[in-house]
Amino acid sequence: MTKMTQGNSMNWARPAERPFLKRVSEWGDRVAQTGSWVLTDFLTPRELFLLEQYQSNDSVVIARFGGNPYAERQRVLVMPGDWHPEPEDFQIVTICATPVERMAISHGSVLGSVLGTGLDRRKIGDIFVQNDKAYVFCQQEVSNFLLAEWRQIGRHAVSLEQITATVEWEPPQFEKTIVSAASFRADAVLAQSCHW
């Protein structure tokens, strides 16, 4: 949990990020005034960074959770300082998609098929693909819709189930490499390190 402190101004943020910071400030003010909590949609890593950099109230703390220890997209509870949240308080549901016939599953194809149901990306957390299954974290309020409407990944049918048991998650795999770039420009270094 992180304590919210008084933020200076929003001038340090990009202009496109200032509306989000204004919402962060409003969340902190609402929690401080009402003593109740605010549960956000799934936030991107950049939004999580902004939230931690710009915090608007001393009497408010934040806690974040994305459904498993390795989640990048997480929901945030903005709450009074004396609250201690449990994972259930984040209202995250895990849906397991298993292809009916054996096929290779990719993160992109799963994300595309989930968004093809019409759900907003903010309602969907991380997607993990392991052991020929796709695990999708979503907000509890959209889980029934997703279970009813999501039928396939690409052109292949899938069977869906809501997971309540604990799944052993594989930690993300990172590869350390040394690259030689033609110049020290950011685009050249990035292109070389991503094999573009």
Protein backbone atom coordinates (compact mmCIF):
# COMPACT_ATOMS: atom_id res chain seq x y z
CA MET A 1 0.00 0.00 0.00
CA THR A 2 1.21 3.48 -0.80
CA LYS A 3 0.30 6.59 1.13
CA MET A 4 -1.15 9.43 -0.93
CA THR A 5 0.62 12.73 -0.35
CA GLN A 6 -0.16 16.24 -1.49
CA GLY A 7 0.74 16.62 -5.17
CA ASN A 8 2.21 19.88 -6.48
CA SER A 9 0.78 20.51 -9.91
CA MET A 10 0.22 18.60 -13.10
CA ASN A 11 2.73 20.63 -15.14
CA TRP A 12 5.29 17.83 -15.12
CA ALA A 13 2.90 15.44 -16.92
CA ARG A 14 2.25 15.22 -20.63
CA PRO A 15 -0.83 17.21 -21.69
CA ALA A 16 -2.65 14.01 -22.69
CA GLU A 17 -2.09 12.58 -19.18
CA ARG A 18 -3.48 15.53 -17.25
CA PRO A 19 -7.15 14.41 -17.42
CA PHE A 20 -6.11 11.13 -15.79
CA LEU A 21 -4.24 13.00 -13.05
CA LYS A 22 -7.32 15.15 -12.47
CA ARG A 23 -9.34 11.95 -11.94
CA VAL A 24 -6.68 10.70 -9.50
CA SER A 25 -7.04 13.94 -7.54
CA GLU A 26 -10.84 13.58 -7.54
CA TRP A 27 -10.57 9.99 -6.27
CA GLY A 28 -8.38 11.10 -3.38
CA ASP A 29 -10.69 13.98 -2.49
CA ARG A 30 -13.78 11.73 -2.62
CA VAL A 31 -12.20 9.12 -0.35
CA ALA A 32 -11.01 11.78 2.11
CA GLN A 33 -14.46 13.40 2.26
CA THR A 34 -16.68 10.29 2.36
CA GLY A 35 -14.46 7.72 4.06
CA SER A 36 -15.41 5.14 1.41
CA TRP A 37 -13.16 3.51 -1.16
CA VAL A 38 -12.81 3.90 -4.94
CA LEU A 39 -12.01 0.88 -7.12
CA THR A 40 -10.55 1.74 -10.53
CA ASP A 41 -10.68 -0.07 -13.84
CA PHE A 42 -7.51 -1.93 -14.85
CA LEU A 43 -4.74 0.64 -15.23
CA THR A 44 -1.78 0.46 -17.59
CA PRO A 45 1.77 0.46 -16.21
CA ARG A 46 2.09 4.15 -17.23
CA GLU A 47 -1.13 5.06 -15.40
CA LEU A 48 0.09 3.19 -12.31
CA PHE A 49 3.34 5.17 -12.48
CA LEU A 50 1.43 8.45 -12.79
CA LEU A 51 -0.84 7.50 -9.90
CA GLU A 52 2.15 6.89 -7.64
CA GLN A 53 3.89 10.10 -8.72
CA TYR A 54 0.88 12.35 -8.26
CA GLN A 55 -1.04 11.58 -5.14
CA SER A 56 -3.45 14.12 -3.80
CA ASN A 57 -4.27 13.55 -0.13
CA ASP A 58 -2.44 12.61 3.10
CA SER A 59 -5.32 10.64 4.61
CA VAL A 60 -5.66 8.30 1.64
CA VAL A 61 -3.65 5.21 0.64
CA ILE A 62 -3.64 3.08 -2.48
CA ALA A 63 -3.30 -0.67 -2.94
CA ARG A 64 -2.96 -2.40 -6.29
CA PHE A 65 -3.58 -5.93 -7.52
CA GLY A 66 -3.94 -7.48 -10.96
CA GLY A 67 -5.02 -11.04 -10.24
CA ASN A 68 -1.57 -12.59 -9.88
CA PRO A 69 1.90 -11.53 -8.74
CA TYR A 70 3.20 -10.86 -12.27
CA ALA A 71 0.33 -8.73 -13.57
CA GLU A 72 1.22 -5.51 -15.40
CA ARG A 73 -2.33 -4.17 -15.68
CA GLN A 74 -3.73 -3.73 -12.18
CA ARG A 75 -6.80 -2.38 -10.43
CA VAL A 76 -6.24 0.16 -7.68
CA LEU A 77 -8.16 0.63 -4.46
CA VAL A 78 -8.02 4.22 -3.24
CA MET A 79 -9.09 4.05 0.39
CA PRO A 80 -8.84 5.52 3.87
CA GLY A 81 -5.53 4.82 5.60
CA ASP A 82 -6.99 2.42 8.16
CA TRP A 83 -8.31 -0.11 5.60
CA HIS A 84 -6.51 -3.36 4.80
CA PRO A 85 -7.77 -4.89 1.53
CA GLU A 86 -7.93 -8.57 0.62
CA PRO A 87 -7.54 -9.86 -2.96
CA GLU A 88 -11.34 -10.33 -3.17
CA ASP A 89 -11.83 -6.59 -2.63
CA PHE A 90 -10.37 -5.94 -6.10
CA GLN A 91 -13.25 -7.88 -7.73
CA ILE A 92 -11.10 -9.65 -10.30
CA VAL A 93 -12.27 -12.85 -11.99
CA THR A 94 -10.04 -15.30 -13.88
CA ILE A 95 -11.49 -16.95 -16.98
CA CYS A 96 -9.70 -19.93 -18.51
CA ALA A 97 -10.10 -20.50 -22.25
CA THR A 98 -9.20 -23.95 -23.55
CA PRO A 99 -9.26 -24.59 -27.32
CA VAL A 100 -11.63 -27.39 -28.30
CA GLU A 101 -9.05 -28.66 -30.78
CA ARG A 102 -5.31 -28.46 -30.27
CA MET A 103 -3.91 -25.16 -31.54
CA ALA A 104 -1.21 -22.63 -30.74
CA ILE A 105 -2.57 -19.70 -28.73
CA SER A 106 -0.95 -16.26 -28.78
CA HIS A 107 -1.54 -13.28 -26.54
CA GLY A 108 -2.56 -11.13 -29.50
CA SER A 109 -5.16 -13.56 -30.80
CA VAL A 110 -6.71 -13.92 -27.34
CA LEU A 111 -6.80 -10.15 -26.80
CA GLY A 112 -8.30 -9.60 -30.25
CA SER A 113 -11.04 -12.15 -29.68
CA VAL A 114 -11.91 -10.76 -26.23
CA LEU A 115 -12.07 -7.19 -27.52
CA GLY A 116 -14.11 -8.48 -30.47
CA THR A 117 -16.96 -9.13 -28.02
CA GLY A 118 -17.25 -5.36 -27.57
CA LEU A 119 -15.66 -5.09 -24.13
CA ASP A 120 -13.62 -2.00 -23.28
CA ARG A 121 -9.89 -2.74 -22.79
CA ARG A 122 -10.03 -1.09 -19.36
CA LYS A 123 -12.31 -3.91 -18.16
CA ILE A 124 -9.73 -6.54 -19.08
CA GLY A 125 -6.52 -7.09 -17.15
CA ASP A 126 -3.57 -9.21 -18.14
CA ILE A 127 -3.76 -12.26 -20.37
CA PHE A 128 -1.48 -15.18 -19.60
CA VAL A 129 -0.94 -18.02 -22.05
CA GLN A 130 0.53 -21.18 -20.56
CA ASN A 131 0.08 -24.93 -20.99
CA ASP A 132 -2.09 -24.47 -24.12
CA LYS A 133 -4.64 -22.42 -22.18
CA ALA A 134 -5.34 -18.71 -22.00
CA TYR A 135 -6.11 -17.07 -18.66
CA VAL A 136 -7.90 -13.74 -18.86
CA PHE A 137 -8.30 -11.47 -15.84
CA CYS A 138 -11.40 -9.30 -15.99
CA GLN A 139 -13.59 -7.21 -13.75
CA GLN A 140 -16.23 -9.19 -11.91
CA GLU A 141 -19.08 -7.15 -13.40
CA VAL A 142 -18.19 -8.17 -16.98
CA SER A 143 -17.33 -11.82 -16.34
CA ASN A 144 -20.82 -13.17 -17.08
CA PHE A 145 -20.93 -11.20 -20.34
CA LEU A 146 -17.54 -12.56 -21.36
CA LEU A 147 -18.52 -16.14 -20.48
CA ALA A 148 -21.70 -15.80 -22.56
CA GLU A 149 -20.32 -13.94 -25.61
CA TRP A 150 -16.73 -15.12 -26.09
CA ARG A 151 -16.82 -18.26 -28.23
CA GLN A 152 -13.60 -18.49 -30.21
CA ILE A 153 -9.97 -17.49 -30.57
CA GLY A 154 -9.35 -16.72 -34.20
CA ARG A 155 -11.40 -19.31 -36.05
CA HIS A 156 -11.13 -21.96 -33.35
CA ALA A 157 -13.83 -22.67 -30.78
CA VAL A 158 -12.91 -22.51 -27.09
CA SER A 159 -14.48 -23.79 -23.91
CA LEU A 160 -14.57 -21.30 -21.05
CA GLU A 161 -14.67 -21.67 -17.31
CA GLN A 162 -14.31 -19.31 -14.40
CA ILE A 163 -11.32 -20.35 -12.29
CA THR A 164 -11.60 -20.25 -8.52
CA ALA A 165 -8.63 -22.48 -7.70
CA THR A 166 -5.14 -21.05 -7.40
CA VAL A 167 -3.04 -21.44 -10.55
CA GLU A 168 0.75 -21.68 -10.37
CA TRP A 169 1.90 -18.81 -12.57
CA GLU A 170 5.14 -18.99 -14.46
CA PRO A 171 7.27 -15.88 -13.94
CA PRO A 172 7.76 -13.75 -17.06
CA GLN A 173 10.77 -14.72 -19.15
CA PHE A 174 13.31 -12.02 -19.90
CA GLU A 175 16.31 -12.26 -22.12
CA LYS A 176 19.46 -10.24 -21.55
CA THR A 177 21.23 -9.33 -24.77
CA ILE A 178 24.04 -7.12 -25.94
CA VAL A 179 23.32 -5.26 -29.17
CA SER A 180 25.32 -3.11 -31.56
CA ALA A 181 23.38 -0.20 -33.00
CA ALA A 182 24.35 1.98 -35.94
CA SER A 183 23.81 5.10 -33.83
CA PHE A 184 22.86 6.00 -30.27
CA ARG A 185 19.47 7.35 -31.32
CA ALA A 186 16.62 5.86 -29.30
CA ASP A 187 14.82 4.44 -32.35
CA ALA A 188 17.99 2.70 -33.57
CA VAL A 189 18.71 1.13 -30.17
CA LEU A 190 15.09 0.06 -29.72
CA ALA A 191 14.88 -1.40 -33.23
CA GLN A 192 18.08 -3.38 -32.74
CA SER A 193 17.09 -4.70 -29.31
CA CYS A 194 13.62 -5.75 -30.56
CA HIS A 195 15.06 -7.39 -33.71
CA TRP A 196 13.16 -5.05 -36.07
